[in-house]
Amino acid sequence: MHQIEIHYFWPLTQQIPLDLDFTPSETWILEWRKKQSQPINTIGSILVGGTGATTWLQPVTSSFVLRPSTKNVGKWEISDSMFVYRPTKPNALIRFMAKYLLGFKWHDEI
């Protein structure tokens, strides 16, 4: 019995340093992350004025709402600012399991 010797070609046996410079892309990523981490509410007040009256408006926190149809029976409260409206009311078991497992709260429309 004879063992065969396998000769690998050089890229698998030798690593050559390439001297690549990634500093421009790293600084861009750091600046982008810094912009993304700033909250929206730090913009400040907005001056709205006309010819006679001038008022200051404070920034308003927005909410995310999904409303597939105009006639809705109720809504799921996913978080404090996220709501999903439904045209049919889920049964008691679905509402209980959604609250127990996912933390969704059901609100009936009045």
C-alpha atoms as a PDB file:
ATOM      1  CA  MET A   1       0.000   0.000   0.000  1.00  0.00           C
ATOM      2  CA  HIS A   2       1.313   3.436  -0.964  1.00  0.00           C
ATOM      3  CA  GLN A   3       0.158   6.780   0.445  1.00  0.00           C
ATOM      4  CA  ILE A   4      -0.394   9.490  -2.123  1.00  0.00           C
ATOM      5  CA  GLU A   5       1.010  12.891  -1.296  1.00  0.00           C
ATOM      6  CA  ILE A   6      -1.262  15.777  -2.295  1.00  0.00           C
ATOM      7  CA  HIS A   7       0.453  18.978  -3.345  1.00  0.00           C
ATOM      8  CA  TYR A   8      -1.656  22.047  -2.679  1.00  0.00           C
ATOM      9  CA  PHE A   9      -1.343  25.072  -4.847  1.00  0.00           C
ATOM     10  CA  TRP A  10       0.160  28.111  -3.143  1.00  0.00           C
ATOM     11  CA  PRO A  11      -2.978  30.162  -2.148  1.00  0.00           C
ATOM     12  CA  LEU A  12      -3.984  27.456   0.306  1.00  0.00           C
ATOM     13  CA  THR A  13      -0.567  27.129   1.872  1.00  0.00           C
ATOM     14  CA  GLN A  14       0.677  30.707   1.909  1.00  0.00           C
ATOM     15  CA  GLN A  15      -1.166  33.851   3.052  1.00  0.00           C
ATOM     16  CA  ILE A  16       0.058  37.118   1.573  1.00  0.00           C
ATOM     17  CA  PRO A  17      -0.849  40.370   3.365  1.00  0.00           C
ATOM     18  CA  LEU A  18      -2.635  42.631   0.891  1.00  0.00           C
ATOM     19  CA  ASP A  19      -2.157  46.015   2.615  1.00  0.00           C
ATOM     20  CA  LEU A  20      -5.767  47.099   2.118  1.00  0.00           C
ATOM     21  CA  ASP A  21      -6.909  50.337   3.734  1.00  0.00           C
ATOM     22  CA  PHE A  22     -10.510  50.279   5.045  1.00  0.00           C
ATOM     23  CA  THR A  23     -10.423  53.523   7.059  1.00  0.00           C
ATOM     24  CA  PRO A  24     -12.771  55.559   4.795  1.00  0.00           C
ATOM     25  CA  SER A  25     -15.469  52.915   4.986  1.00  0.00           C
ATOM     26  CA  GLU A  26     -14.985  52.465   8.754  1.00  0.00           C
ATOM     27  CA  THR A  27     -15.362  56.204   9.375  1.00  0.00           C
ATOM     28  CA  TRP A  28     -18.479  56.269   7.178  1.00  0.00           C
ATOM     29  CA  ILE A  29     -20.003  53.386   9.175  1.00  0.00           C
ATOM     30  CA  LEU A  30     -19.239  55.138  12.475  1.00  0.00           C
ATOM     31  CA  GLU A  31     -20.849  58.384  11.247  1.00  0.00           C
ATOM     32  CA  TRP A  32     -23.894  56.486   9.939  1.00  0.00           C
ATOM     33  CA  ARG A  33     -24.345  54.667  13.270  1.00  0.00           C
ATOM     34  CA  LYS A  34     -24.042  57.970  15.125  1.00  0.00           C
ATOM     35  CA  LYS A  35     -26.781  59.494  12.933  1.00  0.00           C
ATOM     36  CA  GLN A  36     -29.020  56.439  13.390  1.00  0.00           C
ATOM     37  CA  SER A  37     -28.637  56.388  17.177  1.00  0.00           C
ATOM     38  CA  GLN A  38     -29.867  59.968  17.627  1.00  0.00           C
ATOM     39  CA  PRO A  39     -33.531  60.042  18.675  1.00  0.00           C
ATOM     40  CA  ILE A  40     -35.973  61.949  16.512  1.00  0.00           C
ATOM     41  CA  ASN A  41     -37.312  64.078  19.380  1.00  0.00           C
ATOM     42  CA  THR A  42     -34.015  65.927  19.838  1.00  0.00           C
ATOM     43  CA  ILE A  43     -34.697  68.095  16.788  1.00  0.00           C
ATOM     44  CA  GLY A  44     -36.256  70.840  18.905  1.00  0.00           C
ATOM     45  CA  SER A  45     -39.174  73.147  18.443  1.00  0.00           C
ATOM     46  CA  ILE A  46     -40.509  74.414  15.150  1.00  0.00           C
ATOM     47  CA  LEU A  47     -41.472  78.063  14.695  1.00  0.00           C
ATOM     48  CA  VAL A  48     -44.700  78.463  12.768  1.00  0.00           C
ATOM     49  CA  GLY A  49     -45.774  81.981  12.001  1.00  0.00           C
ATOM     50  CA  GLY A  50     -47.929  84.086   9.782  1.00  0.00           C
ATOM     51  CA  THR A  51     -48.543  87.769   9.505  1.00  0.00           C
ATOM     52  CA  GLY A  52     -50.141  88.194  12.946  1.00  0.00           C
ATOM     53  CA  ALA A  53     -49.542  85.205  15.209  1.00  0.00           C
ATOM     54  CA  THR A  54     -46.446  83.118  15.781  1.00  0.00           C
ATOM     55  CA  THR A  55     -46.556  79.846  17.735  1.00  0.00           C
ATOM     56  CA  TRP A  56     -44.037  77.219  18.756  1.00  0.00           C
ATOM     57  CA  LEU A  57     -44.865  73.612  17.942  1.00  0.00           C
ATOM     58  CA  GLN A  58     -43.209  70.817  19.852  1.00  0.00           C
ATOM     59  CA  PRO A  59     -42.222  67.643  17.967  1.00  0.00           C
ATOM     60  CA  VAL A  60     -44.870  64.959  18.097  1.00  0.00           C
ATOM     61  CA  THR A  61     -44.064  61.301  18.639  1.00  0.00           C
ATOM     62  CA  SER A  62     -45.647  59.256  15.898  1.00  0.00           C
ATOM     63  CA  SER A  63     -47.238  55.837  16.011  1.00  0.00           C
ATOM     64  CA  PHE A  64     -47.343  53.014  13.488  1.00  0.00           C
ATOM     65  CA  VAL A  65     -50.894  52.006  12.528  1.00  0.00           C
ATOM     66  CA  LEU A  66     -52.026  49.284  10.110  1.00  0.00           C
ATOM     67  CA  ARG A  67     -55.640  49.819   9.017  1.00  0.00           C
ATOM     68  CA  PRO A  68     -56.509  47.437   6.135  1.00  0.00           C
ATOM     69  CA  SER A  69     -60.177  48.439   5.813  1.00  0.00           C
ATOM     70  CA  THR A  70     -62.390  51.353   6.784  1.00  0.00           C
ATOM     71  CA  LYS A  71     -64.789  49.257   8.885  1.00  0.00           C
ATOM     72  CA  ASN A  72     -62.953  47.893  11.932  1.00  0.00           C
ATOM     73  CA  VAL A  73     -64.256  46.078  15.011  1.00  0.00           C
ATOM     74  CA  GLY A  74     -61.163  46.550  17.158  1.00  0.00           C
ATOM     75  CA  LYS A  75     -57.404  46.724  17.231  1.00  0.00           C
ATOM     76  CA  TRP A  76     -54.390  44.861  18.549  1.00  0.00           C
ATOM     77  CA  GLU A  77     -52.000  46.967  20.599  1.00  0.00           C
ATOM     78  CA  ILE A  78     -48.586  45.551  19.754  1.00  0.00           C
ATOM     79  CA  SER A  79     -46.660  48.205  21.690  1.00  0.00           C
ATOM     80  CA  ASP A  80     -47.328  51.698  23.015  1.00  0.00           C
ATOM     81  CA  SER A  81     -47.136  53.203  19.536  1.00  0.00           C
ATOM     82  CA  MET A  82     -48.023  50.289  17.210  1.00  0.00           C
ATOM     83  CA  PHE A  83     -51.604  49.247  16.440  1.00  0.00           C
ATOM     84  CA  VAL A  84     -53.119  46.763  13.998  1.00  0.00           C
ATOM     85  CA  TYR A  85     -56.831  47.203  13.239  1.00  0.00           C
ATOM     86  CA  ARG A  86     -58.975  44.142  12.448  1.00  0.00           C
ATOM     87  CA  PRO A  87     -62.345  43.882  10.656  1.00  0.00           C
ATOM     88  CA  THR A  88     -63.382  40.840  12.754  1.00  0.00           C
ATOM     89  CA  LYS A  89     -63.033  40.209  16.465  1.00  0.00           C
ATOM     90  CA  PRO A  90     -60.917  37.167  17.376  1.00  0.00           C
ATOM     91  CA  ASN A  91     -62.435  34.635  19.753  1.00  0.00           C
ATOM     92  CA  ALA A  92     -61.614  34.575  23.463  1.00  0.00           C
ATOM     93  CA  LEU A  93     -58.993  31.828  23.157  1.00  0.00           C
ATOM     94  CA  ILE A  94     -57.043  33.737  20.495  1.00  0.00           C
ATOM     95  CA  ARG A  95     -57.191  36.957  22.523  1.00  0.00           C
ATOM     96  CA  PHE A  96     -56.036  35.156  25.696  1.00  0.00           C
ATOM     97  CA  MET A  97     -53.159  33.346  23.976  1.00  0.00           C
ATOM     98  CA  ALA A  98     -52.025  36.500  22.145  1.00  0.00           C
ATOM     99  CA  LYS A  99     -51.911  38.397  25.445  1.00  0.00           C
ATOM    100  CA  TYR A 100     -50.293  35.520  27.355  1.00  0.00           C
ATOM    101  CA  LEU A 101     -47.701  34.468  24.746  1.00  0.00           C
ATOM    102  CA  LEU A 102     -47.041  37.631  22.719  1.00  0.00           C
ATOM    103  CA  GLY A 103     -48.165  40.453  24.995  1.00  0.00           C
ATOM    104  CA  PHE A 104     -50.686  41.824  22.433  1.00  0.00           C
ATOM    105  CA  LYS A 105     -53.687  43.636  23.930  1.00  0.00           C
ATOM    106  CA  TRP A 106     -57.091  43.669  22.211  1.00  0.00           C
ATOM    107  CA  HIS A 107     -59.162  46.882  22.264  1.00  0.00           C
ATOM    108  CA  ASP A 108     -62.766  47.010  21.052  1.00  0.00           C
ATOM    109  CA  GLU A 109     -63.827  50.005  18.972  1.00  0.00           C
ATOM    110  CA  ILE A 110     -66.666  51.957  20.504  1.00  0.00           C
END
